[in-house]
Amino acid sequence: MIGWDWLTALVLFEFASGFTPGPNNILALAIGFSHGYRKTLPHVFGVAIGFPVMLLLIGFFLKPLLDRAPLLFEVLRYFSVVLVLWIAWKIATAPVEEEIAEGEMLSRRPITFGQSLLLQWVNPKAWAGALTIVTLYTVPQEYARSLWAAAAVTVAMTFTAVSLWSLSGRGIKKFLHDPRKIRLFNLSMAILLVLSVLMMLW
């Protein structure tokens, strides 16, 4: 059933996966630093619309297949758990210097709305997130309703996350240059990811 427990687990997952460094957020950081938040808006809306649309397409495309193959659903479900744990490990152990360098090397030109939409389909983190939500954070008895609800939550969370990375451009840039702080931040996000998975398995 869709309830507060389901919503809490989903929000924890969305927060931990959406606010951590990744192509979307680091790009927003770089553009926000160089051009300001207003120039980042095409990218912000591209992520906030593009990822939920991707989620819905994957979810409704997989639905008939999962209905006919419940064993496949269970396999994907536990694969998603392993995938999230792997992502959590990668976040917790990410080399700080590589994240700093990646942010500095990104394009100085603001990304367009269309480019941001297309970016979601070649973003491994987006694919991992969409697959995880479809297989782990939907309710089988209310699949369509829970998928639409998850997409709505995703719109709010991605818009907020990418906006904050852009708005905090200069501050986060300095923050990322302190290895101890970024390691603590990454470790906290990794723990939230693991906690969100445990809540869905209980």
C-alpha atoms as a PDB file:
ATOM      1  CA  MET A   1       0.000   0.000   0.000  1.00  0.00           C
ATOM      2  CA  ILE A   2       1.070   3.561  -0.701  1.00  0.00           C
ATOM      3  CA  GLY A   3       1.553   5.218   2.685  1.00  0.00           C
ATOM      4  CA  TRP A   4       3.956   7.221   4.795  1.00  0.00           C
ATOM      5  CA  ASP A   5       6.439   4.350   5.103  1.00  0.00           C
ATOM      6  CA  TRP A   6       6.562   4.012   1.310  1.00  0.00           C
ATOM      7  CA  LEU A   7       6.889   7.777   0.841  1.00  0.00           C
ATOM      8  CA  THR A   8       9.617   8.061   3.489  1.00  0.00           C
ATOM      9  CA  ALA A   9      11.679   5.288   1.917  1.00  0.00           C
ATOM     10  CA  LEU A  10      11.268   6.789  -1.565  1.00  0.00           C
ATOM     11  CA  VAL A  11      12.197  10.299  -0.412  1.00  0.00           C
ATOM     12  CA  LEU A  12      15.278   8.951   1.386  1.00  0.00           C
ATOM     13  CA  PHE A  13      16.362   7.170  -1.784  1.00  0.00           C
ATOM     14  CA  GLU A  14      15.638  10.214  -3.965  1.00  0.00           C
ATOM     15  CA  PHE A  15      17.466  12.514  -1.551  1.00  0.00           C
ATOM     16  CA  ALA A  16      20.528  10.330  -1.229  1.00  0.00           C
ATOM     17  CA  SER A  17      20.781   9.581  -4.950  1.00  0.00           C
ATOM     18  CA  GLY A  18      19.604  12.986  -6.193  1.00  0.00           C
ATOM     19  CA  PHE A  19      21.773  15.246  -4.045  1.00  0.00           C
ATOM     20  CA  THR A  20      25.066  13.370  -4.449  1.00  0.00           C
ATOM     21  CA  PRO A  21      27.648  14.274  -7.107  1.00  0.00           C
ATOM     22  CA  GLY A  22      26.766  13.013 -10.560  1.00  0.00           C
ATOM     23  CA  PRO A  23      26.664  14.298 -14.158  1.00  0.00           C
ATOM     24  CA  ASN A  24      23.505  16.366 -13.619  1.00  0.00           C
ATOM     25  CA  ASN A  25      24.581  17.989 -10.365  1.00  0.00           C
ATOM     26  CA  ILE A  26      28.213  18.622 -11.257  1.00  0.00           C
ATOM     27  CA  LEU A  27      27.126  20.174 -14.555  1.00  0.00           C
ATOM     28  CA  ALA A  28      24.687  22.424 -12.645  1.00  0.00           C
ATOM     29  CA  LEU A  29      27.499  23.337 -10.264  1.00  0.00           C
ATOM     30  CA  ALA A  30      29.843  24.285 -13.091  1.00  0.00           C
ATOM     31  CA  ILE A  31      27.240  26.329 -14.978  1.00  0.00           C
ATOM     32  CA  GLY A  32      25.997  28.007 -11.795  1.00  0.00           C
ATOM     33  CA  PHE A  33      29.526  28.979 -10.873  1.00  0.00           C
ATOM     34  CA  SER A  34      30.356  30.374 -14.309  1.00  0.00           C
ATOM     35  CA  HIS A  35      27.011  31.862 -15.380  1.00  0.00           C
ATOM     36  CA  GLY A  36      24.642  32.024 -12.403  1.00  0.00           C
ATOM     37  CA  TYR A  37      21.389  30.230 -11.637  1.00  0.00           C
ATOM     38  CA  ARG A  38      19.321  31.846 -14.390  1.00  0.00           C
ATOM     39  CA  LYS A  39      21.557  30.366 -17.108  1.00  0.00           C
ATOM     40  CA  THR A  40      21.252  26.959 -15.433  1.00  0.00           C
ATOM     41  CA  LEU A  41      17.432  26.876 -15.646  1.00  0.00           C
ATOM     42  CA  PRO A  42      17.287  25.035 -19.016  1.00  0.00           C
ATOM     43  CA  HIS A  43      19.369  22.271 -17.455  1.00  0.00           C
ATOM     44  CA  VAL A  44      17.312  22.303 -14.229  1.00  0.00           C
ATOM     45  CA  PHE A  45      14.051  21.877 -16.138  1.00  0.00           C
ATOM     46  CA  GLY A  46      15.644  19.361 -18.481  1.00  0.00           C
ATOM     47  CA  VAL A  47      16.505  17.107 -15.530  1.00  0.00           C
ATOM     48  CA  ALA A  48      13.248  17.742 -13.647  1.00  0.00           C
ATOM     49  CA  ILE A  49      11.209  16.770 -16.725  1.00  0.00           C
ATOM     50  CA  GLY A  50      13.555  14.397 -18.523  1.00  0.00           C
ATOM     51  CA  PHE A  51      14.229  11.951 -15.708  1.00  0.00           C
ATOM     52  CA  PRO A  52      10.572  11.497 -14.616  1.00  0.00           C
ATOM     53  CA  VAL A  53       9.582  10.948 -18.271  1.00  0.00           C
ATOM     54  CA  MET A  54      12.364   8.387 -18.573  1.00  0.00           C
ATOM     55  CA  LEU A  55      11.135   6.752 -15.361  1.00  0.00           C
ATOM     56  CA  LEU A  56       7.556   6.504 -16.641  1.00  0.00           C
ATOM     57  CA  LEU A  57       8.591   5.120 -20.020  1.00  0.00           C
ATOM     58  CA  ILE A  58      10.802   2.475 -18.432  1.00  0.00           C
ATOM     59  CA  GLY A  59       8.151   1.675 -15.834  1.00  0.00           C
ATOM     60  CA  PHE A  60       5.238   1.258 -18.207  1.00  0.00           C
ATOM     61  CA  PHE A  61       7.346  -0.513 -20.819  1.00  0.00           C
ATOM     62  CA  LEU A  62       8.520  -3.059 -18.259  1.00  0.00           C
ATOM     63  CA  LYS A  63       5.091  -3.510 -16.635  1.00  0.00           C
ATOM     64  CA  PRO A  64       3.591  -6.067 -19.099  1.00  0.00           C
ATOM     65  CA  LEU A  65       6.846  -8.042 -19.078  1.00  0.00           C
ATOM     66  CA  LEU A  66       6.983  -8.077 -15.284  1.00  0.00           C
ATOM     67  CA  ASP A  67       3.332  -9.164 -15.087  1.00  0.00           C
ATOM     68  CA  ARG A  68       4.081 -12.209 -17.230  1.00  0.00           C
ATOM     69  CA  ALA A  69       7.361 -13.001 -15.509  1.00  0.00           C
ATOM     70  CA  PRO A  70       7.123 -12.510 -11.733  1.00  0.00           C
ATOM     71  CA  LEU A  71      10.435 -14.284 -11.279  1.00  0.00           C
ATOM     72  CA  LEU A  72      12.064 -11.662 -13.493  1.00  0.00           C
ATOM     73  CA  PHE A  73      10.594  -8.960 -11.252  1.00  0.00           C
ATOM     74  CA  GLU A  74      12.182 -10.582  -8.182  1.00  0.00           C
ATOM     75  CA  VAL A  75      15.503 -10.889  -9.987  1.00  0.00           C
ATOM     76  CA  LEU A  76      15.386  -7.216 -10.995  1.00  0.00           C
ATOM     77  CA  ARG A  77      14.279  -6.270  -7.488  1.00  0.00           C
ATOM     78  CA  TYR A  78      17.284  -7.876  -5.842  1.00  0.00           C
ATOM     79  CA  PHE A  79      19.541  -6.721  -8.649  1.00  0.00           C
ATOM     80  CA  SER A  80      18.372  -3.188  -7.817  1.00  0.00           C
ATOM     81  CA  VAL A  81      19.239  -3.738  -4.170  1.00  0.00           C
ATOM     82  CA  VAL A  82      22.746  -4.840  -5.151  1.00  0.00           C
ATOM     83  CA  LEU A  83      22.980  -1.903  -7.572  1.00  0.00           C
ATOM     84  CA  VAL A  84      22.013   0.615  -4.882  1.00  0.00           C
ATOM     85  CA  LEU A  85      24.497  -0.906  -2.432  1.00  0.00           C
ATOM     86  CA  TRP A  86      27.167  -0.696  -5.134  1.00  0.00           C
ATOM     87  CA  ILE A  87      26.280   2.959  -5.793  1.00  0.00           C
ATOM     88  CA  ALA A  88      26.426   3.628  -2.040  1.00  0.00           C
ATOM     89  CA  TRP A  89      29.884   2.032  -1.890  1.00  0.00           C
ATOM     90  CA  LYS A  90      31.085   4.067  -4.877  1.00  0.00           C
ATOM     91  CA  ILE A  91      29.771   7.267  -3.276  1.00  0.00           C
ATOM     92  CA  ALA A  92      31.355   6.485   0.094  1.00  0.00           C
ATOM     93  CA  THR A  93      34.739   5.641  -1.457  1.00  0.00           C
ATOM     94  CA  ALA A  94      34.772   8.175  -4.320  1.00  0.00           C
ATOM     95  CA  PRO A  95      38.188   9.798  -4.905  1.00  0.00           C
ATOM     96  CA  VAL A  96      37.673  13.418  -3.929  1.00  0.00           C
ATOM     97  CA  GLU A  97      40.267  14.736  -6.341  1.00  0.00           C
ATOM     98  CA  GLU A  98      38.453  13.197  -9.351  1.00  0.00           C
ATOM     99  CA  GLU A  99      35.160  14.868  -8.402  1.00  0.00           C
ATOM    100  CA  ILE A 100      36.885  18.232  -8.090  1.00  0.00           C
ATOM    101  CA  ALA A 101      38.633  17.818 -11.441  1.00  0.00           C
ATOM    102  CA  GLU A 102      35.420  16.711 -13.160  1.00  0.00           C
ATOM    103  CA  GLY A 103      33.621  19.844 -12.008  1.00  0.00           C
ATOM    104  CA  GLU A 104      36.459  22.040 -13.229  1.00  0.00           C
ATOM    105  CA  MET A 105      36.703  20.400 -16.661  1.00  0.00           C
ATOM    106  CA  LEU A 106      33.023  20.653 -17.612  1.00  0.00           C
ATOM    107  CA  SER A 107      31.938  22.866 -20.480  1.00  0.00           C
ATOM    108  CA  ARG A 108      31.838  26.589 -19.812  1.00  0.00           C
ATOM    109  CA  ARG A 109      28.821  27.019 -22.088  1.00  0.00           C
ATOM    110  CA  PRO A 110      25.380  26.539 -20.527  1.00  0.00           C
ATOM    111  CA  ILE A 111      23.629  23.345 -21.611  1.00  0.00           C
ATOM    112  CA  THR A 112      20.327  23.655 -23.492  1.00  0.00           C
ATOM    113  CA  PHE A 113      16.998  22.152 -22.413  1.00  0.00           C
ATOM    114  CA  GLY A 114      17.095  19.614 -25.251  1.00  0.00           C
ATOM    115  CA  GLN A 115      20.662  18.577 -24.455  1.00  0.00           C
ATOM    116  CA  SER A 116      19.703  18.083 -20.813  1.00  0.00           C
ATOM    117  CA  LEU A 117      16.759  15.866 -21.820  1.00  0.00           C
ATOM    118  CA  LEU A 118      19.048  13.697 -23.949  1.00  0.00           C
ATOM    119  CA  LEU A 119      21.665  13.576 -21.200  1.00  0.00           C
ATOM    120  CA  GLN A 120      19.306  11.534 -19.004  1.00  0.00           C
ATOM    121  CA  TRP A 121      19.277   8.653 -21.499  1.00  0.00           C
ATOM    122  CA  VAL A 122      23.072   8.362 -21.530  1.00  0.00           C
ATOM    123  CA  ASN A 123      23.505   8.945 -17.801  1.00  0.00           C
ATOM    124  CA  PRO A 124      24.280   5.651 -15.989  1.00  0.00           C
ATOM    125  CA  LYS A 125      23.168   7.139 -12.672  1.00  0.00           C
ATOM    126  CA  ALA A 126      19.769   8.021 -14.183  1.00  0.00           C
ATOM    127  CA  TRP A 127      19.317   4.486 -15.549  1.00  0.00           C
ATOM    128  CA  ALA A 128      20.267   2.993 -12.190  1.00  0.00           C
ATOM    129  CA  GLY A 129      17.843   5.302 -10.381  1.00  0.00           C
ATOM    130  CA  ALA A 130      14.944   4.627 -12.751  1.00  0.00           C
ATOM    131  CA  LEU A 131      15.438   0.857 -12.658  1.00  0.00           C
ATOM    132  CA  THR A 132      15.647   0.923  -8.865  1.00  0.00           C
ATOM    133  CA  ILE A 133      12.441   2.948  -8.468  1.00  0.00           C
ATOM    134  CA  VAL A 134      10.514   0.727 -10.905  1.00  0.00           C
ATOM    135  CA  THR A 135      11.558  -2.548  -9.306  1.00  0.00           C
ATOM    136  CA  LEU A 136      11.977  -1.583  -5.657  1.00  0.00           C
ATOM    137  CA  TYR A 137       9.858   1.488  -4.923  1.00  0.00           C
ATOM    138  CA  THR A 138       6.608   0.680  -6.711  1.00  0.00           C
ATOM    139  CA  VAL A 139       3.693  -1.135  -5.079  1.00  0.00           C
ATOM    140  CA  PRO A 140       2.643  -4.218  -7.107  1.00  0.00           C
ATOM    141  CA  GLN A 141      -1.039  -3.910  -6.103  1.00  0.00           C
ATOM    142  CA  GLU A 142      -1.029  -0.228  -7.122  1.00  0.00           C
ATOM    143  CA  TYR A 143       1.698  -0.236  -9.738  1.00  0.00           C
ATOM    144  CA  ALA A 144       0.458   2.574 -11.990  1.00  0.00           C
ATOM    145  CA  ARG A 145      -0.548   4.809  -9.093  1.00  0.00           C
ATOM    146  CA  SER A 146       2.727   4.287  -7.240  1.00  0.00           C
ATOM    147  CA  LEU A 147       4.745   4.860 -10.428  1.00  0.00           C
ATOM    148  CA  TRP A 148       2.959   8.139 -11.137  1.00  0.00           C
ATOM    149  CA  ALA A 149       3.410   9.151  -7.485  1.00  0.00           C
ATOM    150  CA  ALA A 150       7.109   8.278  -7.660  1.00  0.00           C
ATOM    151  CA  ALA A 151       7.432  10.367 -10.833  1.00  0.00           C
ATOM    152  CA  ALA A 152       5.776  13.322  -9.063  1.00  0.00           C
ATOM    153  CA  VAL A 153       8.169  13.005  -6.126  1.00  0.00           C
ATOM    154  CA  THR A 154      11.035  12.764  -8.609  1.00  0.00           C
ATOM    155  CA  VAL A 155      10.053  16.045 -10.266  1.00  0.00           C
ATOM    156  CA  ALA A 156      10.200  17.861  -6.926  1.00  0.00           C
ATOM    157  CA  MET A 157      13.401  16.188  -5.740  1.00  0.00           C
ATOM    158  CA  THR A 158      15.375  16.579  -8.971  1.00  0.00           C
ATOM    159  CA  PHE A 159      14.316  20.206  -9.397  1.00  0.00           C
ATOM    160  CA  THR A 160      15.371  20.970  -5.818  1.00  0.00           C
ATOM    161  CA  ALA A 161      18.650  19.044  -6.000  1.00  0.00           C
ATOM    162  CA  VAL A 162      19.867  20.470  -9.305  1.00  0.00           C
ATOM    163  CA  SER A 163      18.747  23.977  -8.294  1.00  0.00           C
ATOM    164  CA  LEU A 164      20.631  23.815  -5.010  1.00  0.00           C
ATOM    165  CA  TRP A 165      23.800  22.610  -6.714  1.00  0.00           C
ATOM    166  CA  SER A 166      23.518  25.523  -9.123  1.00  0.00           C
ATOM    167  CA  LEU A 167      22.578  28.160  -6.528  1.00  0.00           C
ATOM    168  CA  SER A 168      25.374  27.044  -4.245  1.00  0.00           C
ATOM    169  CA  GLY A 169      27.895  27.159  -7.071  1.00  0.00           C
ATOM    170  CA  ARG A 170      30.674  29.139  -5.468  1.00  0.00           C
ATOM    171  CA  GLY A 171      30.064  27.799  -1.972  1.00  0.00           C
ATOM    172  CA  ILE A 172      29.963  24.151  -3.069  1.00  0.00           C
ATOM    173  CA  LYS A 173      33.029  24.724  -5.231  1.00  0.00           C
ATOM    174  CA  LYS A 174      34.948  25.746  -2.102  1.00  0.00           C
ATOM    175  CA  PHE A 175      33.294  22.939  -0.129  1.00  0.00           C
ATOM    176  CA  LEU A 176      34.433  20.370  -2.656  1.00  0.00           C
ATOM    177  CA  HIS A 177      38.002  21.518  -2.228  1.00  0.00           C
ATOM    178  CA  ASP A 178      38.003  20.364   1.409  1.00  0.00           C
ATOM    179  CA  PRO A 179      38.617  16.584   1.197  1.00  0.00           C
ATOM    180  CA  ARG A 180      37.452  15.884   4.756  1.00  0.00           C
ATOM    181  CA  LYS A 181      34.082  17.584   4.239  1.00  0.00           C
ATOM    182  CA  ILE A 182      33.320  15.962   0.897  1.00  0.00           C
ATOM    183  CA  ARG A 183      34.233  12.536   2.283  1.00  0.00           C
ATOM    184  CA  LEU A 184      31.891  13.087   5.232  1.00  0.00           C
ATOM    185  CA  PHE A 185      29.148  14.294   2.875  1.00  0.00           C
ATOM    186  CA  ASN A 186      29.564  11.281   0.591  1.00  0.00           C
ATOM    187  CA  LEU A 187      29.576   8.869   3.532  1.00  0.00           C
ATOM    188  CA  SER A 188      26.352  10.413   4.877  1.00  0.00           C
ATOM    189  CA  MET A 189      24.640  10.065   1.495  1.00  0.00           C
ATOM    190  CA  ALA A 190      25.824   6.468   1.166  1.00  0.00           C
ATOM    191  CA  ILE A 191      24.352   5.613   4.579  1.00  0.00           C
ATOM    192  CA  LEU A 192      21.031   7.173   3.549  1.00  0.00           C
ATOM    193  CA  LEU A 193      21.000   5.048   0.396  1.00  0.00           C
ATOM    194  CA  VAL A 194      21.541   1.853   2.385  1.00  0.00           C
ATOM    195  CA  LEU A 195      18.898   2.883   4.935  1.00  0.00           C
ATOM    196  CA  SER A 196      16.351   3.531   2.176  1.00  0.00           C
ATOM    197  CA  VAL A 197      16.902   0.021   0.767  1.00  0.00           C
ATOM    198  CA  LEU A 198      16.596  -1.613   4.185  1.00  0.00           C
ATOM    199  CA  MET A 199      13.268   0.162   4.729  1.00  0.00           C
ATOM    200  CA  MET A 200      11.879  -1.323   1.520  1.00  0.00           C
ATOM    201  CA  LEU A 201      13.026  -4.850   2.428  1.00  0.00           C
ATOM    202  CA  TRP A 202      11.565  -4.901   5.954  1.00  0.00           C
END
